[in-house]
């Protein structure tokens, strides 16, 4: 089984290569190119390709892959909003993903962002490095006793609920499919009630037509003043321009983003020597109460190993024509 691994980074090779001992029938070739309609032709002669959240797996790409003889697309991530699933089905290309690699990894980063923007840890770090030990603009709030609103209570959201409970917070949640195991200490409410009553709002839901721009200027205006907003899920859950307007209205104590709408082309790339023309991300970074990270929620040793194991098993299942819960 031959697998072409797109947009490969050093850490990908270090996490996938050790797992090949359990999959001796698999041969992987790593390339730096991102998967898109132009690079898809490189997959000729391969059984499957492996792609990530920044890939273009639209209909045009899938047609090229089909012509190249590719039978499966393996997403080494949970999200698949960048995949034209209807086109894949029409073309007979199986698409599999990694729905749950390490929910703790993402949820722990979400809580880390919440703490960092609350207590301005990023500002404090830089101030002290410049021998400025004043406390100006570093005041936060106690998390204990506050209300945490968790949008989406799958495995990641559920662990976020658990962490918030550990901080002594009241935990409320919204999900179309309620998690019965959480109801001992989580109260499910409507999305409107969650938005209006939470001191911390953390997003852990997939990007769909219904959730696209679920955080917009109307919902932002309903939020409490000095709310903390965290997004480690999908960038387009939040309308960036509306978020900027909300920040200018002084609605937020802090905003922590591991994902954002403009990340394609930026994520996992070093652009430190470039001048960002017309960048919405640069506008966000100009605000003192905003912290943005590099879509690194998945980036732990344990998560990378789980992603590799599941992806290689997905390849084996796809080549055998086996459908599993990882099918898209």
Protein backbone atom coordinates (compact mmCIF):
# COMPACT_ATOMS: atom_id res chain seq x y z
CA UNK A 1 0.00 0.00 0.00
CA UNK A 2 1.57 3.25 -1.17
CA UNK A 3 0.69 6.49 0.60
CA UNK A 4 1.67 9.98 -0.55
CA UNK A 5 1.89 12.28 2.45
CA UNK A 6 1.26 15.94 1.56
CA UNK A 7 2.49 19.03 3.45
CA UNK A 8 4.84 16.89 5.52
CA UNK A 9 6.67 18.49 8.42
CA UNK A 10 9.55 17.03 10.40
CA UNK A 11 7.25 16.24 13.30
CA UNK A 12 4.94 14.28 10.95
CA UNK A 13 7.78 12.02 9.89
CA UNK A 14 8.92 11.55 13.48
CA UNK A 15 5.43 10.50 14.55
CA UNK A 16 4.47 8.34 11.55
CA UNK A 17 7.73 6.47 10.89
CA UNK A 18 7.82 4.65 14.27
CA UNK A 19 4.25 3.41 13.74
CA UNK A 20 5.18 1.73 10.44
CA UNK A 21 6.57 -1.20 12.42
CA UNK A 22 2.94 -2.22 13.03
CA UNK A 23 2.03 -1.66 9.37
CA UNK A 24 4.81 -3.35 7.34
CA UNK A 25 2.64 -3.39 4.22
CA UNK A 26 2.56 0.44 4.11
CA UNK A 27 5.08 2.55 2.19
CA UNK A 28 5.02 6.33 2.77
CA UNK A 29 6.55 9.06 0.65
CA UNK A 30 6.61 12.51 2.27
CA UNK A 31 6.47 15.73 0.24
CA UNK A 32 6.37 19.36 1.33
CA UNK A 33 3.77 20.40 -1.23
CA UNK A 34 0.25 21.10 -0.03
CA UNK A 35 -2.51 19.08 -1.65
CA UNK A 36 -4.36 21.14 -4.26
CA UNK A 37 -5.49 20.69 -7.88
CA UNK A 38 -1.96 21.24 -9.21
CA UNK A 39 -0.07 19.01 -6.79
CA UNK A 40 -2.66 16.22 -6.90
CA UNK A 41 -1.08 14.91 -10.12
CA UNK A 42 1.95 13.86 -8.05
CA UNK A 43 -0.20 11.11 -6.54
CA UNK A 44 -0.15 8.99 -9.71
CA UNK A 45 0.85 5.47 -8.75
CA UNK A 46 -0.23 5.82 -5.11
CA UNK A 47 -3.14 4.04 -3.46
CA UNK A 48 -4.00 6.90 -1.13
CA UNK A 49 -3.00 10.40 -0.08
CA UNK A 50 -2.76 11.93 3.37
CA UNK A 51 -3.81 15.56 3.85
CA UNK A 52 -4.35 18.09 6.62
CA UNK A 53 -6.77 20.90 7.46
CA UNK A 54 -5.06 23.41 5.16
CA UNK A 55 -5.37 21.24 2.04
CA UNK A 56 -7.69 21.97 -0.89
CA UNK A 57 -9.66 18.76 -1.25
CA UNK A 58 -12.32 20.22 -3.51
CA UNK A 59 -13.93 18.66 -6.56
CA UNK A 60 -11.13 19.69 -8.92
CA UNK A 61 -8.48 18.12 -6.69
CA UNK A 62 -10.51 14.96 -6.29
CA UNK A 63 -10.94 14.59 -10.05
CA UNK A 64 -7.18 14.76 -10.52
CA UNK A 65 -6.69 12.20 -7.75
CA UNK A 66 -9.27 9.90 -9.36
CA UNK A 67 -7.48 10.11 -12.70
CA UNK A 68 -4.21 9.34 -10.90
CA UNK A 69 -5.71 6.12 -9.54
CA UNK A 70 -6.01 7.23 -5.90
CA UNK A 71 -8.61 5.24 -3.99
CA UNK A 72 -8.67 7.07 -0.64
CA UNK A 73 -8.02 10.43 0.98
CA UNK A 74 -6.86 10.18 4.59
CA UNK A 75 -7.34 13.34 6.65
CA UNK A 76 -4.91 13.35 9.56
CA UNK A 77 -7.28 15.55 11.56
CA UNK A 78 -10.84 15.59 12.86
CA UNK A 79 -12.20 18.36 10.64
CA UNK A 80 -13.16 17.81 7.02
CA UNK A 81 -14.87 21.05 6.00
CA UNK A 82 -12.16 21.46 3.34
CA UNK A 83 -13.27 18.22 1.66
CA UNK A 84 -15.98 18.11 -1.00
CA UNK A 85 -17.58 14.97 0.37
CA UNK A 86 -20.30 14.87 -2.28
CA UNK A 87 -17.71 14.92 -5.06
CA UNK A 88 -15.69 12.21 -3.31
CA UNK A 89 -18.73 9.94 -3.17
CA UNK A 90 -19.54 10.55 -6.84
CA UNK A 91 -15.97 9.75 -7.81
CA UNK A 92 -15.78 6.66 -5.61
CA UNK A 93 -12.95 7.98 -3.43
CA UNK A 94 -13.16 6.92 0.20
CA UNK A 95 -12.45 9.68 2.72
CA UNK A 96 -11.46 8.88 6.29
CA UNK A 97 -10.44 11.09 9.19
CA UNK A 98 -9.18 10.98 12.78
CA UNK A 99 -12.25 12.00 14.78
CA UNK A 100 -10.68 11.67 18.22
CA UNK A 101 -6.92 11.62 18.58
CA UNK A 102 -6.37 13.30 21.94
CA UNK A 103 -9.28 15.41 23.15
CA UNK A 104 -7.26 16.37 26.21
CA UNK A 105 -4.62 18.05 24.04
CA UNK A 106 -7.06 20.50 22.46
CA UNK A 107 -9.07 21.13 25.62
CA UNK A 108 -5.94 21.78 27.66
CA UNK A 109 -4.79 24.37 25.13
CA UNK A 110 -8.24 25.98 25.29
CA UNK A 111 -7.98 26.30 29.05
CA UNK A 112 -4.41 27.55 28.71
CA UNK A 113 -5.60 30.29 26.36
CA UNK A 114 -8.39 31.22 28.77
CA UNK A 115 -5.92 31.59 31.64
CA UNK A 116 -3.38 33.43 29.49
CA UNK A 117 -5.79 36.07 28.19
CA UNK A 118 -7.42 36.48 31.59
CA UNK A 119 -4.14 37.12 33.43
CA UNK A 120 -2.34 38.68 30.42
CA UNK A 121 0.48 36.16 30.75
CA UNK A 122 1.84 36.98 27.29
CA UNK A 123 2.09 40.69 28.21
CA UNK A 124 3.59 39.96 31.63
CA UNK A 125 6.25 37.75 30.03
CA UNK A 126 7.31 40.46 27.60
CA UNK A 127 7.18 43.24 30.21
CA UNK A 128 9.50 41.43 32.60
CA UNK A 129 11.92 40.61 29.77
CA UNK A 130 12.23 44.38 29.31
CA UNK A 131 12.75 44.90 33.06
CA UNK A 132 9.26 46.37 33.47
CA UNK A 133 7.86 44.89 36.68
CA UNK A 134 4.81 47.13 36.92
CA UNK A 135 1.34 45.61 37.06
CA UNK A 136 -0.22 48.04 34.61
CA UNK A 137 -2.84 46.39 32.36
CA UNK A 138 -2.31 42.93 33.88
CA UNK A 139 -5.42 42.67 36.07
CA UNK A 140 -7.61 39.62 35.54
CA UNK A 141 -10.53 37.97 37.33
CA UNK A 142 -10.93 34.85 39.46
CA UNK A 143 -12.20 31.89 37.45
CA UNK A 144 -13.78 30.25 40.49
CA UNK A 145 -17.47 31.06 40.74
CA UNK A 146 -17.73 32.27 37.15
CA UNK A 147 -19.95 30.66 34.50
CA UNK A 148 -18.27 28.68 31.72
CA UNK A 149 -20.32 28.22 28.56
CA UNK A 150 -19.13 25.29 26.42
CA UNK A 151 -20.46 25.12 22.87
CA UNK A 152 -20.19 21.52 21.73
CA UNK A 153 -19.82 18.65 24.21
CA UNK A 154 -18.17 15.92 22.22
CA UNK A 155 -14.94 14.46 23.58
CA UNK A 156 -13.01 17.75 23.49
CA UNK A 157 -15.87 19.85 24.83
CA UNK A 158 -16.57 17.28 27.54
CA UNK A 159 -12.98 17.49 28.79
CA UNK A 160 -13.20 21.28 28.73
CA UNK A 161 -16.30 20.99 30.93
CA UNK A 162 -14.32 18.79 33.32
CA UNK A 163 -11.49 21.31 33.51
CA UNK A 164 -13.84 24.21 34.15
CA UNK A 165 -15.51 22.22 36.92
CA UNK A 166 -12.06 21.68 38.44
CA UNK A 167 -11.61 25.45 38.58
CA UNK A 168 -14.82 25.74 40.58
CA UNK A 169 -16.82 27.25 37.74
CA UNK A 170 -20.51 26.79 37.05
CA UNK A 171 -20.64 24.90 33.75
CA UNK A 172 -23.40 25.33 31.18
CA UNK A 173 -23.38 23.94 27.66
CA UNK A 174 -25.11 23.93 24.32
CA UNK A 175 -25.16 21.00 21.93
CA UNK A 176 -27.78 19.63 19.54
CA UNK A 177 -26.86 16.18 20.89
CA UNK A 178 -26.57 16.34 24.67
CA UNK A 179 -23.95 14.28 26.48
CA UNK A 180 -25.79 12.37 29.20
CA UNK A 181 -22.57 11.59 31.04
CA UNK A 182 -22.04 15.29 31.77
CA UNK A 183 -25.44 16.10 33.23
CA UNK A 184 -24.29 15.44 36.79
CA UNK A 185 -22.59 18.84 36.79
CA UNK A 186 -23.35 20.45 33.40
CA UNK A 187 -26.61 22.25 32.67
CA UNK A 188 -27.68 22.31 29.04
CA UNK A 189 -29.22 25.59 27.90
CA UNK A 190 -30.10 27.28 24.61
CA UNK A 191 -27.32 28.90 22.63
CA UNK A 192 -28.82 32.34 23.25
CA UNK A 193 -28.86 31.76 27.02
CA UNK A 194 -25.29 30.50 26.99
CA UNK A 195 -24.08 33.52 25.03
CA UNK A 196 -25.93 35.94 27.31
CA UNK A 197 -24.92 34.48 30.69
CA UNK A 198 -21.40 33.05 30.32
CA UNK A 199 -18.22 34.68 31.63
CA UNK A 200 -16.15 32.27 29.53
CA UNK A 201 -17.34 30.99 26.14
CA UNK A 202 -15.32 28.18 24.58
CA UNK A 203 -16.15 26.78 21.13
CA UNK A 204 -15.78 23.03 20.52
CA UNK A 205 -18.18 22.29 17.66
CA UNK A 206 -17.70 21.38 13.98
CA UNK A 207 -18.03 23.89 11.17
CA UNK A 208 -21.31 23.38 9.32
CA UNK A 209 -23.78 25.58 7.49
CA UNK A 210 -25.59 26.03 10.81
CA UNK A 211 -22.49 26.96 12.83
CA UNK A 212 -20.79 29.18 10.24
CA UNK A 213 -20.29 32.63 11.85
CA UNK A 214 -22.32 31.59 14.88
CA UNK A 215 -20.34 34.26 16.72
CA UNK A 216 -21.24 37.49 14.94
CA UNK A 217 -21.95 41.06 15.93
CA UNK A 218 -25.52 40.23 16.99
CA UNK A 219 -24.39 37.43 19.31
CA UNK A 220 -21.44 39.49 20.55
CA UNK A 221 -23.73 42.33 21.60
CA UNK A 222 -25.75 39.82 23.68
CA UNK A 223 -22.66 38.75 25.63
CA UNK A 224 -21.80 40.00 29.08
CA UNK A 225 -19.22 42.73 29.31
CA UNK A 226 -15.70 41.42 30.05
CA UNK A 227 -16.44 37.99 28.61
CA UNK A 228 -13.58 35.67 27.62
CA UNK A 229 -13.98 34.05 24.18
CA UNK A 230 -11.91 30.99 23.19
CA UNK A 231 -11.88 29.17 19.85
CA UNK A 232 -9.80 26.02 19.32
CA UNK A 233 -12.24 24.43 16.88
CA UNK A 234 -12.74 26.06 13.45
CA UNK A 235 -11.91 29.63 12.50
CA UNK A 236 -15.11 30.32 10.57
CA UNK A 237 -17.26 29.75 13.65
CA UNK A 238 -16.44 33.41 14.32
CA UNK A 239 -16.94 36.29 11.92
CA UNK A 240 -13.54 37.96 12.19
CA UNK A 241 -14.71 41.40 11.12
CA UNK A 242 -17.55 41.25 13.65
CA UNK A 243 -15.12 40.08 16.32
CA UNK A 244 -12.94 43.12 15.63
CA UNK A 245 -15.99 45.34 15.96
CA UNK A 246 -16.86 43.66 19.26
CA UNK A 247 -13.34 44.16 20.58
CA UNK A 248 -13.58 47.85 19.70
CA UNK A 249 -16.87 47.96 21.65
CA UNK A 250 -14.89 46.73 24.70
CA UNK A 251 -17.02 43.60 25.09
CA UNK A 252 -14.12 41.23 25.81
CA UNK A 253 -11.84 40.79 28.77
CA UNK A 254 -9.83 38.56 26.46
CA UNK A 255 -9.95 36.58 23.22
CA UNK A 256 -7.88 33.43 22.67
CA UNK A 257 -7.75 31.91 19.19
CA UNK A 258 -5.91 28.81 18.04
CA UNK A 259 -7.89 28.94 14.79
CA UNK A 260 -9.03 31.87 12.69
CA UNK A 261 -10.53 32.52 9.28
CA UNK A 262 -7.35 33.76 7.63
CA UNK A 263 -5.10 30.91 8.73
CA UNK A 264 -4.87 29.19 5.33
CA UNK A 265 -1.51 30.22 3.92
CA UNK A 266 -0.25 31.20 7.37
CA UNK A 267 -0.64 28.11 9.49
CA UNK A 268 2.59 26.14 10.05
CA UNK A 269 4.57 28.57 7.90
CA UNK A 270 7.29 31.01 8.99
CA UNK A 271 6.26 34.39 7.58
CA UNK A 272 8.23 36.50 10.03
CA UNK A 273 10.17 38.27 7.28
CA UNK A 274 7.08 39.19 5.27
CA UNK A 275 4.92 42.30 5.32
CA UNK A 276 1.34 41.09 5.70
CA UNK A 277 -0.71 43.04 3.19
CA UNK A 278 -4.34 43.73 4.20
CA UNK A 279 -4.12 41.10 6.94
CA UNK A 280 -7.13 40.71 9.25
CA UNK A 281 -4.91 38.61 11.50
CA UNK A 282 -2.52 41.54 11.93
CA UNK A 283 -5.46 43.72 12.94
CA UNK A 284 -6.46 41.17 15.57
CA UNK A 285 -2.92 41.01 16.92
CA UNK A 286 -2.90 44.79 17.36
CA UNK A 287 -5.35 44.48 20.26
CA UNK A 288 -3.80 44.05 23.73
CA UNK A 289 -6.44 41.56 24.90
CA UNK A 290 -6.08 39.10 21.99
CA UNK A 291 -3.80 36.07 21.91
CA UNK A 292 -3.43 33.95 18.76
CA UNK A 293 -1.57 30.65 18.55
CA UNK A 294 -0.57 28.53 15.54
CA UNK A 295 -3.37 25.95 15.29
CA UNK A 296 -1.36 23.86 17.74
CA UNK A 297 -4.15 22.27 19.76
CA UNK A 298 -3.24 18.84 18.40
CA UNK A 299 0.48 19.28 18.93
CA UNK A 300 1.38 16.97 21.79
CA UNK A 301 3.44 13.79 21.76
CA UNK A 302 0.42 11.68 22.63
CA UNK A 303 -1.86 13.27 20.05
CA UNK A 304 0.66 12.91 17.23
CA UNK A 305 1.12 9.22 18.01
CA UNK A 306 -2.65 8.67 18.06
CA UNK A 307 -3.07 10.52 14.74
CA UNK A 308 -0.41 8.36 13.11
CA UNK A 309 -1.86 5.10 14.43
CA UNK A 310 -5.41 5.93 13.38
CA UNK A 311 -4.41 7.25 9.95
CA UNK A 312 -2.43 4.13 9.11
CA UNK A 313 -5.29 1.92 10.29
CA UNK A 314 -7.63 4.04 8.15
CA UNK A 315 -5.39 3.32 5.15
CA UNK A 316 -5.51 -0.40 5.84
CA UNK A 317 -9.30 -0.33 6.21
CA UNK A 318 -9.77 1.80 3.09
CA UNK A 319 -7.72 -0.55 0.95
CA UNK A 320 -9.79 -3.45 2.25
CA UNK A 321 -13.01 -1.54 1.52
CA UNK A 322 -13.94 -1.55 5.21
CA UNK A 323 -16.26 1.17 6.49
CA UNK A 324 -15.73 2.36 10.06
CA UNK A 325 -16.77 5.20 12.31
CA UNK A 326 -13.90 7.21 10.81
CA UNK A 327 -15.56 7.48 7.40
CA UNK A 328 -16.53 10.95 6.20
